[in-house]
Amino acid sequence: MKKLITILSIVFLSSLSLLSNAQTQDELFNSVFKQEKRAYFSENMHLKADEFDKFWTIYGAFENERVSIGTERINLLKTYVEKYETMSNEDADAFMKKWLAVDKKEDAMRVKYYGKMKKDLGAKTAAHFLQLDDYIQTAIKFEILDELPFIGEFSN
């Protein structure tokens, strides 16, 4: 599990440095990242033969819906990186309201897919999936936050 988080973190952090680069590099990153996550879930979900197709169908829809949320978050990070040194109180407030709105969308999406997965695969499998997903998302968020300066860190 630590190996995967290290790989995912490196890939994700590499993408932060590529934020201003061409779309094809973003597509390459997304492709590698999706493959790594899929391999992680394949290895750690311990699905029974009759659960396999149902899980991957729900997982695919989950990841497709997450794309727009991820795009919003990356766009917010781009804005943050551009403005953190000169951010006013109003800018900080607007940024945090947008950040929290994205968190709320992500939470609502997770609730939605937990319900779908629970219905088709049972609560234990659905809970296991969300635990694994939380593990990945928390590690990624930690790596991002660890690399970003805090608002006001460079102001007087």
N, C-alpha and C. Protein backbone atom coordinates (compact mmCIF):
# COMPACT_ATOMS: atom_id res chain seq x y z
N MET A 1 0.83 -1.18 0.00
CA MET A 1 0.00 0.00 0.00
C MET A 1 0.88 1.25 0.00
N LYS A 2 1.95 1.24 0.78
CA LYS A 2 2.85 2.39 0.81
C LYS A 2 3.49 2.61 -0.55
N LYS A 3 3.80 1.51 -1.25
CA LYS A 3 4.40 1.62 -2.57
C LYS A 3 3.46 2.34 -3.52
N LEU A 4 2.19 1.99 -3.49
CA LEU A 4 1.21 2.63 -4.36
C LEU A 4 1.09 4.10 -4.04
N ILE A 5 0.99 4.44 -2.77
CA ILE A 5 0.85 5.85 -2.38
C ILE A 5 2.07 6.63 -2.82
N THR A 6 3.24 6.04 -2.70
CA THR A 6 4.45 6.72 -3.16
C THR A 6 4.39 6.96 -4.66
N ILE A 7 3.99 5.94 -5.41
CA ILE A 7 3.88 6.08 -6.86
C ILE A 7 2.83 7.12 -7.22
N LEU A 8 1.65 7.02 -6.60
CA LEU A 8 0.59 7.98 -6.88
C LEU A 8 1.02 9.39 -6.52
N SER A 9 1.69 9.54 -5.41
CA SER A 9 2.15 10.87 -4.98
C SER A 9 3.15 11.45 -5.97
N ILE A 10 4.09 10.63 -6.40
CA ILE A 10 5.08 11.10 -7.37
C ILE A 10 4.41 11.50 -8.67
N VAL A 11 3.51 10.66 -9.13
CA VAL A 11 2.79 10.97 -10.37
C VAL A 11 1.98 12.24 -10.20
N PHE A 12 1.28 12.37 -9.08
CA PHE A 12 0.44 13.55 -8.88
C PHE A 12 1.29 14.81 -8.73
N LEU A 13 2.36 14.74 -7.95
CA LEU A 13 3.22 15.90 -7.78
C LEU A 13 3.88 16.29 -9.08
N SER A 14 4.23 15.31 -9.89
CA SER A 14 4.77 15.61 -11.20
C SER A 14 3.76 16.37 -12.03
N SER A 15 2.49 16.02 -11.87
CA SER A 15 1.46 16.71 -12.64
C SER A 15 1.31 18.15 -12.19
N LEU A 16 1.55 18.45 -10.91
CA LEU A 16 1.47 19.83 -10.44
C LEU A 16 2.50 20.69 -11.15
N SER A 17 3.68 20.13 -11.39
CA SER A 17 4.70 20.90 -12.09
C SER A 17 4.37 21.03 -13.58
N LEU A 18 3.49 20.20 -14.06
CA LEU A 18 3.10 20.25 -15.47
C LEU A 18 1.82 21.03 -15.70
N LEU A 19 1.28 21.65 -14.65
CA LEU A 19 -0.02 22.31 -14.77
C LEU A 19 -0.08 23.28 -15.94
N SER A 20 1.03 23.93 -16.24
CA SER A 20 1.00 24.92 -17.31
C SER A 20 1.40 24.32 -18.66
N ASN A 21 1.71 23.04 -18.70
CA ASN A 21 2.15 22.41 -19.95
C ASN A 21 0.98 21.95 -20.81
N ALA A 22 1.29 21.36 -21.92
CA ALA A 22 0.32 21.00 -22.94
C ALA A 22 -0.72 19.98 -22.45
N GLN A 23 -1.86 20.00 -23.09
CA GLN A 23 -2.96 19.09 -22.79
C GLN A 23 -2.53 17.64 -22.92
N THR A 24 -1.67 17.33 -23.86
CA THR A 24 -1.26 15.94 -24.06
C THR A 24 -0.53 15.41 -22.83
N GLN A 25 0.22 16.27 -22.13
CA GLN A 25 0.88 15.82 -20.91
C GLN A 25 -0.14 15.57 -19.81
N ASP A 26 -1.18 16.40 -19.75
CA ASP A 26 -2.26 16.16 -18.79
C ASP A 26 -2.94 14.83 -19.09
N GLU A 27 -3.17 14.58 -20.36
CA GLU A 27 -3.82 13.32 -20.75
C GLU A 27 -2.94 12.13 -20.39
N LEU A 28 -1.64 12.26 -20.60
CA LEU A 28 -0.71 11.19 -20.25
C LEU A 28 -0.74 10.94 -18.74
N PHE A 29 -0.67 12.01 -17.96
CA PHE A 29 -0.74 11.87 -16.51
C PHE A 29 -2.02 11.17 -16.10
N ASN A 30 -3.15 11.64 -16.63
CA ASN A 30 -4.45 11.05 -16.28
C ASN A 30 -4.50 9.58 -16.61
N SER A 31 -3.95 9.21 -17.74
CA SER A 31 -3.94 7.81 -18.14
C SER A 31 -3.13 6.95 -17.18
N VAL A 32 -1.93 7.41 -16.83
CA VAL A 32 -1.08 6.65 -15.91
C VAL A 32 -1.72 6.59 -14.53
N PHE A 33 -2.24 7.72 -14.08
CA PHE A 33 -2.85 7.78 -12.76
C PHE A 33 -4.05 6.84 -12.68
N LYS A 34 -4.89 6.83 -13.69
CA LYS A 34 -6.06 5.94 -13.71
C LYS A 34 -5.64 4.48 -13.71
N GLN A 35 -4.60 4.15 -14.45
CA GLN A 35 -4.12 2.77 -14.48
C GLN A 35 -3.59 2.34 -13.12
N GLU A 36 -2.85 3.21 -12.46
CA GLU A 36 -2.31 2.89 -11.15
C GLU A 36 -3.44 2.69 -10.12
N LYS A 37 -4.44 3.57 -10.16
CA LYS A 37 -5.55 3.43 -9.23
C LYS A 37 -6.33 2.15 -9.51
N ARG A 38 -6.55 1.86 -10.77
CA ARG A 38 -7.30 0.66 -11.12
C ARG A 38 -6.55 -0.59 -10.64
N ALA A 39 -5.24 -0.60 -10.80
CA ALA A 39 -4.43 -1.73 -10.33
C ALA A 39 -4.52 -1.85 -8.81
N TYR A 40 -4.51 -0.71 -8.13
CA TYR A 40 -4.61 -0.70 -6.68
C TYR A 40 -5.94 -1.32 -6.23
N PHE A 41 -7.03 -0.91 -6.85
CA PHE A 41 -8.33 -1.47 -6.47
C PHE A 41 -8.42 -2.94 -6.85
N SER A 42 -7.87 -3.31 -7.99
CA SER A 42 -7.87 -4.73 -8.40
C SER A 42 -7.19 -5.58 -7.34
N GLU A 43 -6.09 -5.07 -6.84
CA GLU A 43 -5.29 -5.82 -5.87
C GLU A 43 -5.92 -5.85 -4.48
N ASN A 44 -6.64 -4.80 -4.12
CA ASN A 44 -7.07 -4.65 -2.74
C ASN A 44 -8.56 -4.83 -2.47
N MET A 45 -9.39 -4.95 -3.48
CA MET A 45 -10.82 -5.10 -3.24
C MET A 45 -11.22 -6.54 -2.92
N HIS A 46 -10.45 -7.51 -3.36
CA HIS A 46 -10.72 -8.92 -3.07
C HIS A 46 -12.15 -9.30 -3.49
N LEU A 47 -12.46 -9.02 -4.74
CA LEU A 47 -13.80 -9.26 -5.26
C LEU A 47 -14.01 -10.73 -5.58
N LYS A 48 -15.23 -11.19 -5.39
CA LYS A 48 -15.63 -12.52 -5.82
C LYS A 48 -15.95 -12.45 -7.31
N ALA A 49 -15.94 -13.60 -7.96
CA ALA A 49 -16.16 -13.64 -9.40
C ALA A 49 -17.47 -12.97 -9.82
N ASP A 50 -18.53 -13.18 -9.03
CA ASP A 50 -19.82 -12.61 -9.39
C ASP A 50 -19.93 -11.11 -9.08
N GLU A 51 -18.94 -10.55 -8.38
CA GLU A 51 -18.96 -9.12 -8.05
C GLU A 51 -18.13 -8.28 -9.03
N PHE A 52 -17.26 -8.95 -9.75
CA PHE A 52 -16.27 -8.26 -10.56
C PHE A 52 -16.89 -7.25 -11.53
N ASP A 53 -17.79 -7.69 -12.39
CA ASP A 53 -18.38 -6.81 -13.40
C ASP A 53 -19.18 -5.67 -12.78
N LYS A 54 -19.95 -5.98 -11.74
CA LYS A 54 -20.74 -4.94 -11.08
C LYS A 54 -19.83 -3.86 -10.49
N PHE A 55 -18.78 -4.31 -9.80
CA PHE A 55 -17.86 -3.35 -9.19
C PHE A 55 -17.25 -2.43 -10.23
N TRP A 56 -16.70 -3.01 -11.31
CA TRP A 56 -15.99 -2.19 -12.29
C TRP A 56 -16.93 -1.25 -13.05
N THR A 57 -18.17 -1.64 -13.21
CA THR A 57 -19.14 -0.74 -13.84
C THR A 57 -19.39 0.47 -12.93
N ILE A 58 -19.61 0.22 -11.65
CA ILE A 58 -19.84 1.32 -10.70
C ILE A 58 -18.57 2.16 -10.55
N TYR A 59 -17.44 1.51 -10.44
CA TYR A 59 -16.17 2.22 -10.30
C TYR A 59 -15.93 3.13 -11.51
N GLY A 60 -16.20 2.64 -12.69
CA GLY A 60 -16.01 3.45 -13.90
C GLY A 60 -16.87 4.70 -13.89
N ALA A 61 -18.13 4.56 -13.49
CA ALA A 61 -19.02 5.72 -13.41
C ALA A 61 -18.53 6.68 -12.33
N PHE A 62 -18.08 6.15 -11.22
CA PHE A 62 -17.54 6.95 -10.12
C PHE A 62 -16.35 7.79 -10.59
N GLU A 63 -15.42 7.15 -11.25
CA GLU A 63 -14.23 7.86 -11.73
C GLU A 63 -14.58 8.86 -12.82
N ASN A 64 -15.51 8.52 -13.68
CA ASN A 64 -15.93 9.48 -14.72
C ASN A 64 -16.54 10.73 -14.11
N GLU A 65 -17.33 10.55 -13.07
CA GLU A 65 -17.93 11.70 -12.39
C GLU A 65 -16.88 12.50 -11.63
N ARG A 66 -15.89 11.82 -11.13
CA ARG A 66 -14.84 12.50 -10.37
C ARG A 66 -13.97 13.39 -11.26
N VAL A 67 -13.92 13.11 -12.56
CA VAL A 67 -13.07 13.88 -13.47
C VAL A 67 -13.40 15.37 -13.39
N SER A 68 -14.68 15.72 -13.44
CA SER A 68 -15.03 17.15 -13.41
C SER A 68 -14.68 17.77 -12.07
N ILE A 69 -14.83 17.02 -11.00
CA ILE A 69 -14.47 17.53 -9.68
C ILE A 69 -12.95 17.72 -9.60
N GLY A 70 -12.22 16.77 -10.12
CA GLY A 70 -10.76 16.89 -10.15
C GLY A 70 -10.30 18.08 -10.98
N THR A 71 -10.97 18.32 -12.09
CA THR A 71 -10.64 19.47 -12.93
C THR A 71 -10.88 20.77 -12.18
N GLU A 72 -12.01 20.84 -11.47
CA GLU A 72 -12.29 22.03 -10.66
C GLU A 72 -11.20 22.26 -9.62
N ARG A 73 -10.80 21.18 -8.97
CA ARG A 73 -9.78 21.30 -7.91
C ARG A 73 -8.44 21.74 -8.50
N ILE A 74 -8.06 21.19 -9.63
CA ILE A 74 -6.80 21.57 -10.27
C ILE A 74 -6.85 23.03 -10.70
N ASN A 75 -7.98 23.47 -11.22
CA ASN A 75 -8.11 24.88 -11.60
C ASN A 75 -8.00 25.79 -10.39
N LEU A 76 -8.57 25.38 -9.28
CA LEU A 76 -8.43 26.15 -8.04
C LEU A 76 -6.97 26.20 -7.59
N LEU A 77 -6.28 25.08 -7.70
CA LEU A 77 -4.87 25.05 -7.32
C LEU A 77 -4.04 25.95 -8.22
N LYS A 78 -4.36 25.97 -9.51
CA LYS A 78 -3.65 26.87 -10.43
C LYS A 78 -3.84 28.32 -9.99
N THR A 79 -5.06 28.69 -9.68
CA THR A 79 -5.35 30.04 -9.22
C THR A 79 -4.60 30.34 -7.92
N TYR A 80 -4.62 29.39 -7.02
CA TYR A 80 -3.93 29.55 -5.74
C TYR A 80 -2.44 29.80 -5.94
N VAL A 81 -1.81 28.98 -6.77
CA VAL A 81 -0.38 29.11 -7.02
C VAL A 81 -0.06 30.48 -7.61
N GLU A 82 -0.93 30.98 -8.46
CA GLU A 82 -0.72 32.28 -9.07
C GLU A 82 -0.90 33.43 -8.08
N LYS A 83 -1.76 33.26 -7.07
CA LYS A 83 -2.17 34.39 -6.25
C LYS A 83 -1.84 34.31 -4.76
N TYR A 84 -1.30 33.22 -4.27
CA TYR A 84 -1.17 33.08 -2.81
C TYR A 84 -0.32 34.18 -2.17
N GLU A 85 0.67 34.69 -2.89
CA GLU A 85 1.54 35.72 -2.30
C GLU A 85 0.84 37.07 -2.14
N THR A 86 -0.13 37.33 -2.99
CA THR A 86 -0.79 38.64 -2.98
C THR A 86 -2.27 38.54 -2.61
N MET A 87 -2.66 37.43 -2.05
CA MET A 87 -4.07 37.19 -1.77
C MET A 87 -4.61 38.13 -0.69
N SER A 88 -5.69 38.80 -1.01
CA SER A 88 -6.37 39.67 -0.05
C SER A 88 -7.33 38.83 0.79
N ASN A 89 -7.93 39.45 1.79
CA ASN A 89 -8.95 38.75 2.58
C ASN A 89 -10.10 38.31 1.69
N GLU A 90 -10.50 39.16 0.76
CA GLU A 90 -11.60 38.82 -0.15
C GLU A 90 -11.22 37.66 -1.06
N ASP A 91 -9.97 37.68 -1.58
CA ASP A 91 -9.50 36.58 -2.43
C ASP A 91 -9.46 35.27 -1.65
N ALA A 92 -8.96 35.33 -0.42
CA ALA A 92 -8.88 34.13 0.43
C ALA A 92 -10.28 33.58 0.70
N ASP A 93 -11.22 34.47 0.98
CA ASP A 93 -12.59 34.06 1.25
C ASP A 93 -13.21 33.40 0.01
N ALA A 94 -13.03 34.02 -1.14
CA ALA A 94 -13.57 33.46 -2.39
C ALA A 94 -12.94 32.10 -2.69
N PHE A 95 -11.61 32.00 -2.49
CA PHE A 95 -10.92 30.74 -2.73
C PHE A 95 -11.47 29.64 -1.83
N MET A 96 -11.58 29.93 -0.53
CA MET A 96 -12.04 28.90 0.41
C MET A 96 -13.49 28.50 0.15
N LYS A 97 -14.33 29.44 -0.21
CA LYS A 97 -15.72 29.10 -0.54
C LYS A 97 -15.77 28.14 -1.73
N LYS A 98 -14.95 28.41 -2.74
CA LYS A 98 -14.90 27.51 -3.90
C LYS A 98 -14.32 26.15 -3.51
N TRP A 99 -13.26 26.16 -2.70
CA TRP A 99 -12.63 24.91 -2.28
C TRP A 99 -13.63 24.04 -1.49
N LEU A 100 -14.35 24.67 -0.58
CA LEU A 100 -15.33 23.94 0.23
C LEU A 100 -16.50 23.45 -0.62
N ALA A 101 -16.87 24.21 -1.64
CA ALA A 101 -17.94 23.78 -2.55
C ALA A 101 -17.50 22.54 -3.33
N VAL A 102 -16.24 22.50 -3.73
CA VAL A 102 -15.72 21.31 -4.43
C VAL A 102 -15.70 20.12 -3.47
N ASP A 103 -15.28 20.34 -2.23
CA ASP A 103 -15.31 19.27 -1.22
C ASP A 103 -16.74 18.73 -1.06
N LYS A 104 -17.70 19.64 -1.02
CA LYS A 104 -19.10 19.25 -0.85
C LYS A 104 -19.58 18.40 -2.04
N LYS A 105 -19.20 18.80 -3.25
CA LYS A 105 -19.56 18.02 -4.45
C LYS A 105 -18.95 16.62 -4.37
N GLU A 106 -17.68 16.57 -3.96
CA GLU A 106 -17.01 15.28 -3.87
C GLU A 106 -17.67 14.39 -2.81
N ASP A 107 -18.01 14.96 -1.67
CA ASP A 107 -18.69 14.20 -0.62
C ASP A 107 -20.04 13.67 -1.11
N ALA A 108 -20.81 14.52 -1.80
CA ALA A 108 -22.12 14.10 -2.33
C ALA A 108 -21.95 12.97 -3.34
N MET A 109 -20.93 13.07 -4.17
CA MET A 109 -20.67 12.01 -5.15
C MET A 109 -20.33 10.70 -4.44
N ARG A 110 -19.52 10.77 -3.40
CA ARG A 110 -19.13 9.56 -2.67
C ARG A 110 -20.34 8.92 -1.99
N VAL A 111 -21.22 9.74 -1.43
CA VAL A 111 -22.46 9.22 -0.82
C VAL A 111 -23.30 8.52 -1.88
N LYS A 112 -23.43 9.14 -3.03
CA LYS A 112 -24.21 8.57 -4.14
C LYS A 112 -23.66 7.20 -4.55
N TYR A 113 -22.34 7.11 -4.74
CA TYR A 113 -21.77 5.84 -5.20
C TYR A 113 -21.66 4.81 -4.09
N TYR A 114 -21.57 5.23 -2.86
CA TYR A 114 -21.65 4.28 -1.76
C TYR A 114 -23.01 3.59 -1.81
N GLY A 115 -24.08 4.37 -2.01
CA GLY A 115 -25.43 3.79 -2.11
C GLY A 115 -25.56 2.82 -3.26
N LYS A 116 -25.02 3.18 -4.41
CA LYS A 116 -25.08 2.28 -5.58
C LYS A 116 -24.31 1.00 -5.33
N MET A 117 -23.11 1.15 -4.77
CA MET A 117 -22.29 -0.03 -4.54
C MET A 117 -22.90 -0.90 -3.44
N LYS A 118 -23.44 -0.28 -2.41
CA LYS A 118 -24.07 -1.03 -1.33
C LYS A 118 -25.26 -1.83 -1.87
N LYS A 119 -26.04 -1.22 -2.74
CA LYS A 119 -27.20 -1.89 -3.31
C LYS A 119 -26.79 -3.12 -4.13
N ASP A 120 -25.75 -2.97 -4.93
CA ASP A 120 -25.35 -4.06 -5.83
C ASP A 120 -24.36 -5.06 -5.22
N LEU A 121 -23.55 -4.60 -4.25
CA LEU A 121 -22.47 -5.45 -3.74
C LEU A 121 -22.46 -5.64 -2.23
N GLY A 122 -23.31 -4.92 -1.54
CA GLY A 122 -23.37 -5.03 -0.08
C GLY A 122 -22.59 -3.92 0.61
N ALA A 123 -22.98 -3.66 1.83
CA ALA A 123 -22.39 -2.56 2.60
C ALA A 123 -20.91 -2.77 2.88
N LYS A 124 -20.49 -4.01 3.16
CA LYS A 124 -19.09 -4.25 3.48
C LYS A 124 -18.19 -3.95 2.29
N THR A 125 -18.59 -4.38 1.11
CA THR A 125 -17.79 -4.11 -0.08
C THR A 125 -17.77 -2.62 -0.39
N ALA A 126 -18.93 -1.97 -0.26
CA ALA A 126 -19.02 -0.54 -0.51
C ALA A 126 -18.16 0.24 0.49
N ALA A 127 -18.23 -0.15 1.75
CA ALA A 127 -17.43 0.51 2.78
C ALA A 127 -15.94 0.29 2.53
N HIS A 128 -15.58 -0.92 2.15
CA HIS A 128 -14.18 -1.23 1.87
C HIS A 128 -13.67 -0.36 0.72
N PHE A 129 -14.47 -0.21 -0.32
CA PHE A 129 -14.10 0.64 -1.45
C PHE A 129 -13.86 2.08 -0.99
N LEU A 130 -14.79 2.63 -0.20
CA LEU A 130 -14.63 4.01 0.24
C LEU A 130 -13.43 4.18 1.16
N GLN A 131 -13.13 3.16 1.97
CA GLN A 131 -11.94 3.23 2.81
C GLN A 131 -10.68 3.30 1.94
N LEU A 132 -10.61 2.46 0.93
CA LEU A 132 -9.45 2.46 0.05
C LEU A 132 -9.36 3.79 -0.71
N ASP A 133 -10.48 4.26 -1.19
CA ASP A 133 -10.51 5.53 -1.91
C ASP A 133 -10.10 6.67 -0.99
N ASP A 134 -10.59 6.66 0.25
CA ASP A 134 -10.18 7.67 1.23
C ASP A 134 -8.68 7.66 1.46
N TYR A 135 -8.13 6.48 1.54
CA TYR A 135 -6.70 6.34 1.76
C TYR A 135 -5.92 7.03 0.64
N ILE A 136 -6.30 6.76 -0.59
CA ILE A 136 -5.63 7.36 -1.75
C ILE A 136 -5.83 8.87 -1.76
N GLN A 137 -7.07 9.31 -1.61
CA GLN A 137 -7.37 10.74 -1.68
C GLN A 137 -6.70 11.52 -0.55
N THR A 138 -6.66 10.95 0.63
CA THR A 138 -6.01 11.62 1.76
C THR A 138 -4.51 11.75 1.51
N ALA A 139 -3.90 10.70 1.00
CA ALA A 139 -2.46 10.74 0.70
C ALA A 139 -2.16 11.79 -0.36
N ILE A 140 -3.00 11.87 -1.36
CA ILE A 140 -2.80 12.86 -2.42
C ILE A 140 -2.97 14.27 -1.86
N LYS A 141 -4.03 14.48 -1.10
CA LYS A 141 -4.25 15.81 -0.52
C LYS A 141 -3.10 16.20 0.40
N PHE A 142 -2.60 15.26 1.18
CA PHE A 142 -1.47 15.55 2.05
C PHE A 142 -0.26 16.00 1.23
N GLU A 143 0.03 15.28 0.17
CA GLU A 143 1.18 15.62 -0.68
C GLU A 143 1.01 17.00 -1.30
N ILE A 144 -0.19 17.32 -1.73
CA ILE A 144 -0.44 18.64 -2.31
C ILE A 144 -0.24 19.71 -1.26
N LEU A 145 -0.88 19.54 -0.11
CA LEU A 145 -0.78 20.54 0.95
C LEU A 145 0.65 20.69 1.46
N ASP A 146 1.38 19.60 1.45
CA ASP A 146 2.77 19.64 1.90
C ASP A 146 3.64 20.47 0.96
N GLU A 147 3.26 20.55 -0.30
CA GLU A 147 4.04 21.29 -1.29
C GLU A 147 3.61 22.74 -1.44
N LEU A 148 2.40 23.07 -1.02
CA LEU A 148 1.88 24.42 -1.21
C LEU A 148 2.18 25.29 0.01
N PRO A 149 2.53 26.54 -0.24
CA PRO A 149 2.68 27.46 0.88
C PRO A 149 1.31 27.85 1.43
N PHE A 150 1.29 28.21 2.69
CA PHE A 150 0.04 28.66 3.30
C PHE A 150 -0.25 30.10 2.88
N ILE A 151 -1.52 30.44 2.85
CA ILE A 151 -1.91 31.81 2.55
C ILE A 151 -1.27 32.72 3.60
N GLY A 152 -0.66 33.79 3.13
CA GLY A 152 -0.04 34.74 4.04
C GLY A 152 1.34 34.38 4.51
N GLU A 153 1.83 33.20 4.12
CA GLU A 153 3.14 32.75 4.59
C GLU A 153 4.26 33.72 4.17
N PHE A 154 4.09 34.35 3.02
CA PHE A 154 5.14 35.23 2.50
C PHE A 154 4.77 36.70 2.59
N SER A 155 3.68 37.02 3.27
CA SER A 155 3.31 38.42 3.42
C SER A 155 3.71 38.91 4.80
N ASN A 156 3.71 40.20 4.97
CA ASN A 156 4.10 40.80 6.26
C ASN A 156 2.99 40.74 7.25
